[in-house]
Amino acid sequence: MPMHITINSKPCVLSENATIADALLAIQARPPYAVAVNTVFVPAPEHSRHRLQVGDRIEVISPVTGG
């Protein structure tokens, strides 16, 4: 059954039991980045274990460089 979530304010549909790692693959995210689910930071080692829930809001944040 498909699962509807939001990634960086855009709707996304993933398979049931998807993880953060699956979501990152879906948007072709390239490191470095930080990830928060429902405003809670999730460390990189947890990405493949953290199961998502219907309605979760994921933010993938890349560092900004420059001066």
PDB file of N, CA and C in Angstrom:
ATOM      1  N   MET A   1       0.854  -1.188   0.000  1.00  0.00           N
ATOM      2  CA  MET A   1       0.000   0.000   0.000  1.00  0.00           C
ATOM      3  C   MET A   1       0.898   1.249   0.000  1.00  0.00           C
ATOM      4  N   PRO A   2       0.631   2.204  -0.865  1.00  0.00           N
ATOM      5  CA  PRO A   2       1.477   3.399  -0.919  1.00  0.00           C
ATOM      6  C   PRO A   2       1.336   4.265   0.339  1.00  0.00           C
ATOM      7  N   MET A   3       2.437   4.937   0.668  1.00  0.00           N
ATOM      8  CA  MET A   3       2.469   5.806   1.840  1.00  0.00           C
ATOM      9  C   MET A   3       2.756   7.229   1.363  1.00  0.00           C
ATOM     10  N   HIS A   4       1.909   8.163   1.760  1.00  0.00           N
ATOM     11  CA  HIS A   4       2.059   9.565   1.373  1.00  0.00           C
ATOM     12  C   HIS A   4       2.795  10.315   2.484  1.00  0.00           C
ATOM     13  N   ILE A   5       3.908  10.957   2.097  1.00  0.00           N
ATOM     14  CA  ILE A   5       4.683  11.783   3.015  1.00  0.00           C
ATOM     15  C   ILE A   5       5.013  13.090   2.304  1.00  0.00           C
ATOM     16  N   THR A   6       5.730  13.959   2.992  1.00  0.00           N
ATOM     17  CA  THR A   6       6.180  15.217   2.399  1.00  0.00           C
ATOM     18  C   THR A   6       7.689  15.312   2.568  1.00  0.00           C
ATOM     19  N   ILE A   7       8.379  15.617   1.473  1.00  0.00           N
ATOM     20  CA  ILE A   7       9.825  15.810   1.523  1.00  0.00           C
ATOM     21  C   ILE A   7      10.117  17.218   1.022  1.00  0.00           C
ATOM     22  N   ASN A   8      10.722  18.025   1.885  1.00  0.00           N
ATOM     23  CA  ASN A   8      11.031  19.426   1.549  1.00  0.00           C
ATOM     24  C   ASN A   8       9.799  20.134   0.979  1.00  0.00           C
ATOM     25  N   SER A   9       8.690  19.979   1.657  1.00  0.00           N
ATOM     26  CA  SER A   9       7.409  20.625   1.333  1.00  0.00           C
ATOM     27  C   SER A   9       6.764  20.131   0.045  1.00  0.00           C
ATOM     28  N   LYS A  10       7.252  19.017  -0.520  1.00  0.00           N
ATOM     29  CA  LYS A  10       6.664  18.459  -1.737  1.00  0.00           C
ATOM     30  C   LYS A  10       6.085  17.077  -1.433  1.00  0.00           C
ATOM     31  N   PRO A  11       4.890  16.795  -1.933  1.00  0.00           N
ATOM     32  CA  PRO A  11       4.296  15.479  -1.700  1.00  0.00           C
ATOM     33  C   PRO A  11       5.125  14.377  -2.356  1.00  0.00           C
ATOM     34  N   CYS A  12       5.187  13.245  -1.684  1.00  0.00           N
ATOM     35  CA  CYS A  12       5.935  12.103  -2.193  1.00  0.00           C
ATOM     36  C   CYS A  12       5.200  10.834  -1.786  1.00  0.00           C
ATOM     37  N   VAL A  13       5.224   9.842  -2.656  1.00  0.00           N
ATOM     38  CA  VAL A  13       4.594   8.556  -2.358  1.00  0.00           C
ATOM     39  C   VAL A  13       5.689   7.495  -2.329  1.00  0.00           C
ATOM     40  N   LEU A  14       5.767   6.778  -1.208  1.00  0.00           N
ATOM     41  CA  LEU A  14       6.735   5.704  -1.049  1.00  0.00           C
ATOM     42  C   LEU A  14       5.994   4.415  -0.727  1.00  0.00           C
ATOM     43  N   SER A  15       6.699   3.314  -0.780  1.00  0.00           N
ATOM     44  CA  SER A  15       6.078   2.037  -0.435  1.00  0.00           C
ATOM     45  C   SER A  15       5.925   1.926   1.087  1.00  0.00           C
ATOM     46  N   GLU A  16       4.998   1.091   1.488  1.00  0.00           N
ATOM     47  CA  GLU A  16       4.772   0.832   2.897  1.00  0.00           C
ATOM     48  C   GLU A  16       6.077   0.337   3.522  1.00  0.00           C
ATOM     49  N   ASN A  17       6.331   0.711   4.762  1.00  0.00           N
ATOM     50  CA  ASN A  17       7.547   0.346   5.499  1.00  0.00           C
ATOM     51  C   ASN A  17       8.807   1.020   4.960  1.00  0.00           C
ATOM     52  N   ALA A  18       8.669   2.099   4.217  1.00  0.00           N
ATOM     53  CA  ALA A  18       9.832   2.827   3.696  1.00  0.00           C
ATOM     54  C   ALA A  18      10.610   3.453   4.846  1.00  0.00           C
ATOM     55  N   THR A  19      11.899   3.630   4.607  1.00  0.00           N
ATOM     56  CA  THR A  19      12.786   4.252   5.586  1.00  0.00           C
ATOM     57  C   THR A  19      13.246   5.616   5.062  1.00  0.00           C
ATOM     58  N   ILE A  20      13.962   6.326   5.909  1.00  0.00           N
ATOM     59  CA  ILE A  20      14.547   7.594   5.462  1.00  0.00           C
ATOM     60  C   ILE A  20      15.467   7.346   4.275  1.00  0.00           C
ATOM     61  N   ALA A  21      16.232   6.273   4.322  1.00  0.00           N
ATOM     62  CA  ALA A  21      17.136   5.948   3.208  1.00  0.00           C
ATOM     63  C   ALA A  21      16.357   5.799   1.902  1.00  0.00           C
ATOM     64  N   ASP A  22      15.185   5.186   1.961  1.00  0.00           N
ATOM     65  CA  ASP A  22      14.342   5.047   0.766  1.00  0.00           C
ATOM     66  C   ASP A  22      13.889   6.414   0.261  1.00  0.00           C
ATOM     67  N   ALA A  23      13.525   7.293   1.178  1.00  0.00           N
ATOM     68  CA  ALA A  23      13.092   8.639   0.798  1.00  0.00           C
ATOM     69  C   ALA A  23      14.231   9.411   0.143  1.00  0.00           C
ATOM     70  N   LEU A  24      15.430   9.262   0.684  1.00  0.00           N
ATOM     71  CA  LEU A  24      16.589   9.948   0.116  1.00  0.00           C
ATOM     72  C   LEU A  24      16.889   9.447  -1.292  1.00  0.00           C
ATOM     73  N   LEU A  25      16.730   8.155  -1.512  1.00  0.00           N
ATOM     74  CA  LEU A  25      16.896   7.599  -2.859  1.00  0.00           C
ATOM     75  C   LEU A  25      15.835   8.148  -3.805  1.00  0.00           C
ATOM     76  N   ALA A  26      14.620   8.268  -3.316  1.00  0.00           N
ATOM     77  CA  ALA A  26      13.513   8.740  -4.152  1.00  0.00           C
ATOM     78  C   ALA A  26      13.759  10.149  -4.687  1.00  0.00           C
ATOM     79  N   ILE A  27      14.428  10.980  -3.887  1.00  0.00           N
ATOM     80  CA  ILE A  27      14.685  12.355  -4.340  1.00  0.00           C
ATOM     81  C   ILE A  27      16.120  12.517  -4.861  1.00  0.00           C
ATOM     82  N   GLN A  28      16.853  11.419  -4.932  1.00  0.00           N
ATOM     83  CA  GLN A  28      18.233  11.426  -5.425  1.00  0.00           C
ATOM     84  C   GLN A  28      19.098  12.431  -4.665  1.00  0.00           C
ATOM     85  N   ALA A  29      18.970  12.425  -3.336  1.00  0.00           N
ATOM     86  CA  ALA A  29      19.745  13.338  -2.493  1.00  0.00           C
ATOM     87  C   ALA A  29      21.230  12.996  -2.568  1.00  0.00           C
ATOM     88  N   ARG A  30      22.039  14.031  -2.625  1.00  0.00           N
ATOM     89  CA  ARG A  30      23.492  13.851  -2.668  1.00  0.00           C
ATOM     90  C   ARG A  30      24.106  14.452  -1.409  1.00  0.00           C
ATOM     91  N   PRO A  31      24.938  13.678  -0.706  1.00  0.00           N
ATOM     92  CA  PRO A  31      25.578  14.201   0.504  1.00  0.00           C
ATOM     93  C   PRO A  31      26.476  15.386   0.174  1.00  0.00           C
ATOM     94  N   PRO A  32      26.759  16.235   1.121  1.00  0.00           N
ATOM     95  CA  PRO A  32      26.354  16.148   2.516  1.00  0.00           C
ATOM     96  C   PRO A  32      24.964  16.744   2.743  1.00  0.00           C
ATOM     97  N   TYR A  33      24.269  16.194   3.710  1.00  0.00           N
ATOM     98  CA  TYR A  33      22.960  16.707   4.098  1.00  0.00           C
ATOM     99  C   TYR A  33      22.632  16.250   5.517  1.00  0.00           C
ATOM    100  N   ALA A  34      21.684  16.934   6.114  1.00  0.00           N
ATOM    101  CA  ALA A  34      21.132  16.543   7.408  1.00  0.00           C
ATOM    102  C   ALA A  34      19.652  16.270   7.171  1.00  0.00           C
ATOM    103  N   VAL A  35      19.078  15.392   7.987  1.00  0.00           N
ATOM    104  CA  VAL A  35      17.681  15.013   7.803  1.00  0.00           C
ATOM    105  C   VAL A  35      16.916  15.182   9.114  1.00  0.00           C
ATOM    106  N   ALA A  36      15.734  15.769   9.007  1.00  0.00           N
ATOM    107  CA  ALA A  36      14.825  15.865  10.140  1.00  0.00           C
ATOM    108  C   ALA A  36      13.482  15.267   9.726  1.00  0.00           C
ATOM    109  N   VAL A  37      12.880  14.522  10.626  1.00  0.00           N
ATOM    110  CA  VAL A  37      11.539  13.976  10.409  1.00  0.00           C
ATOM    111  C   VAL A  37      10.626  14.603  11.452  1.00  0.00           C
ATOM    112  N   ASN A  38       9.616  15.312  10.979  1.00  0.00           N
ATOM    113  CA  ASN A  38       8.692  16.014  11.874  1.00  0.00           C
ATOM    114  C   ASN A  38       9.454  16.915  12.845  1.00  0.00           C
ATOM    115  N   THR A  39      10.421  17.636  12.314  1.00  0.00           N
ATOM    116  CA  THR A  39      11.284  18.619  12.997  1.00  0.00           C
ATOM    117  C   THR A  39      12.284  18.002  13.976  1.00  0.00           C
ATOM    118  N   VAL A  40      12.448  16.687  13.980  1.00  0.00           N
ATOM    119  CA  VAL A  40      13.411  16.028  14.863  1.00  0.00           C
ATOM    120  C   VAL A  40      14.574  15.497  14.023  1.00  0.00           C
ATOM    121  N   PHE A  41      15.796  15.949  14.349  1.00  0.00           N
ATOM    122  CA  PHE A  41      16.992  15.508  13.637  1.00  0.00           C
ATOM    123  C   PHE A  41      17.154  13.996  13.769  1.00  0.00           C
ATOM    124  N   VAL A  42      17.501  13.342  12.659  1.00  0.00           N
ATOM    125  CA  VAL A  42      17.770  11.903  12.661  1.00  0.00           C
ATOM    126  C   VAL A  42      19.203  11.706  12.164  1.00  0.00           C
ATOM    127  N   PRO A  43      20.091  11.154  13.003  1.00  0.00           N
ATOM    128  CA  PRO A  43      21.488  10.958  12.600  1.00  0.00           C
ATOM    129  C   PRO A  43      21.611  10.000  11.412  1.00  0.00           C
ATOM    130  N   ALA A  44      22.621  10.200  10.592  1.00  0.00           N
ATOM    131  CA  ALA A  44      22.831   9.395   9.387  1.00  0.00           C
ATOM    132  C   ALA A  44      22.827   7.882   9.648  1.00  0.00           C
ATOM    133  N   PRO A  45      23.447   7.391  10.730  1.00  0.00           N
ATOM    134  CA  PRO A  45      23.422   5.937  10.942  1.00  0.00           C
ATOM    135  C   PRO A  45      22.010   5.361  11.145  1.00  0.00           C
ATOM    136  N   GLU A  46      21.038   6.215  11.446  1.00  0.00           N
ATOM    137  CA  GLU A  46      19.659   5.771  11.668  1.00  0.00           C
ATOM    138  C   GLU A  46      18.813   5.768  10.391  1.00  0.00           C
ATOM    139  N   HIS A  47      19.303   6.368   9.313  1.00  0.00           N
ATOM    140  CA  HIS A  47      18.492   6.540   8.099  1.00  0.00           C
ATOM    141  C   HIS A  47      17.950   5.227   7.551  1.00  0.00           C
ATOM    142  N   SER A  48      18.739   4.160   7.578  1.00  0.00           N
ATOM    143  CA  SER A  48      18.273   2.890   7.012  1.00  0.00           C
ATOM    144  C   SER A  48      17.374   2.118   7.974  1.00  0.00           C
ATOM    145  N   ARG A  49      17.332   2.533   9.242  1.00  0.00           N
ATOM    146  CA  ARG A  49      16.494   1.843  10.231  1.00  0.00           C
ATOM    147  C   ARG A  49      15.224   2.610  10.589  1.00  0.00           C
ATOM    148  N   HIS A  50      15.218   3.909  10.343  1.00  0.00           N
ATOM    149  CA  HIS A  50      14.079   4.753  10.748  1.00  0.00           C
ATOM    150  C   HIS A  50      12.913   4.568   9.768  1.00  0.00           C
ATOM    151  N   ARG A  51      11.894   3.863  10.192  1.00  0.00           N
ATOM    152  CA  ARG A  51      10.703   3.630   9.358  1.00  0.00           C
ATOM    153  C   ARG A  51       9.822   4.870   9.374  1.00  0.00           C
ATOM    154  N   LEU A  52       9.340   5.227   8.210  1.00  0.00           N
ATOM    155  CA  LEU A  52       8.474   6.400   8.081  1.00  0.00           C
ATOM    156  C   LEU A  52       7.022   6.015   8.295  1.00  0.00           C
ATOM    157  N   GLN A  53       6.224   7.000   8.642  1.00  0.00           N
ATOM    158  CA  GLN A  53       4.794   6.824   8.864  1.00  0.00           C
ATOM    159  C   GLN A  53       4.023   7.724   7.898  1.00  0.00           C
ATOM    160  N   VAL A  54       2.810   7.334   7.582  1.00  0.00           N
ATOM    161  CA  VAL A  54       1.952   8.156   6.723  1.00  0.00           C
ATOM    162  C   VAL A  54       1.876   9.565   7.303  1.00  0.00           C
ATOM    163  N   GLY A  55       2.073  10.561   6.451  1.00  0.00           N
ATOM    164  CA  GLY A  55       1.963  11.949   6.877  1.00  0.00           C
ATOM    165  C   GLY A  55       3.247  12.553   7.413  1.00  0.00           C
ATOM    166  N   ASP A  56       4.318  11.763   7.534  1.00  0.00           N
ATOM    167  CA  ASP A  56       5.581  12.328   8.025  1.00  0.00           C
ATOM    168  C   ASP A  56       6.039  13.465   7.121  1.00  0.00           C
ATOM    169  N   ARG A  57       6.699  14.431   7.747  1.00  0.00           N
ATOM    170  CA  ARG A  57       7.271  15.561   7.026  1.00  0.00           C
ATOM    171  C   ARG A  57       8.784  15.492   7.172  1.00  0.00           C
ATOM    172  N   ILE A  58       9.466  15.302   6.052  1.00  0.00           N
ATOM    173  CA  ILE A  58      10.914  15.159   6.045  1.00  0.00           C
ATOM    174  C   ILE A  58      11.534  16.422   5.457  1.00  0.00           C
ATOM    175  N   GLU A  59      12.569  16.885   6.131  1.00  0.00           N
ATOM    176  CA  GLU A  59      13.350  18.003   5.614  1.00  0.00           C
ATOM    177  C   GLU A  59      14.772  17.501   5.380  1.00  0.00           C
ATOM    178  N   VAL A  60      15.268  17.680   4.169  1.00  0.00           N
ATOM    179  CA  VAL A  60      16.636  17.326   3.821  1.00  0.00           C
ATOM    180  C   VAL A  60      17.368  18.639   3.604  1.00  0.00           C
ATOM    181  N   ILE A  61      18.335  18.900   4.472  1.00  0.00           N
ATOM    182  CA  ILE A  61      18.984  20.198   4.487  1.00  0.00           C
ATOM    183  C   ILE A  61      20.450  20.044   4.096  1.00  0.00           C
ATOM    184  N   SER A  62      20.862  20.765   3.062  1.00  0.00           N
ATOM    185  CA  SER A  62      22.263  20.759   2.632  1.00  0.00           C
ATOM    186  C   SER A  62      22.963  21.983   3.207  1.00  0.00           C
ATOM    187  N   PRO A  63      24.246  21.839   3.552  1.00  0.00           N
ATOM    188  CA  PRO A  63      24.974  22.993   4.076  1.00  0.00           C
ATOM    189  C   PRO A  63      25.165  24.065   3.011  1.00  0.00           C
ATOM    190  N   VAL A  64      25.231  25.279   3.459  1.00  0.00           N
ATOM    191  CA  VAL A  64      25.460  26.411   2.563  1.00  0.00           C
ATOM    192  C   VAL A  64      26.852  26.934   2.842  1.00  0.00           C
ATOM    193  N   THR A  65      27.637  27.133   1.797  1.00  0.00           N
ATOM    194  CA  THR A  65      28.986  27.654   1.973  1.00  0.00           C
ATOM    195  C   THR A  65      29.115  29.001   1.287  1.00  0.00           C
ATOM    196  N   GLY A  66      30.136  29.686   1.612  1.00  0.00           N
ATOM    197  CA  GLY A  66      30.365  30.990   0.995  1.00  0.00           C
ATOM    198  C   GLY A  66      30.530  32.056   2.031  1.00  0.00           C
ATOM    199  N   GLY A  67      30.641  33.275   1.578  1.00  0.00           N
ATOM    200  CA  GLY A  67      30.908  34.341   2.532  1.00  0.00           C
ATOM    201  C   GLY A  67      30.085  35.532   2.325  1.00  0.00           C
TER     202      GLY A  67
END
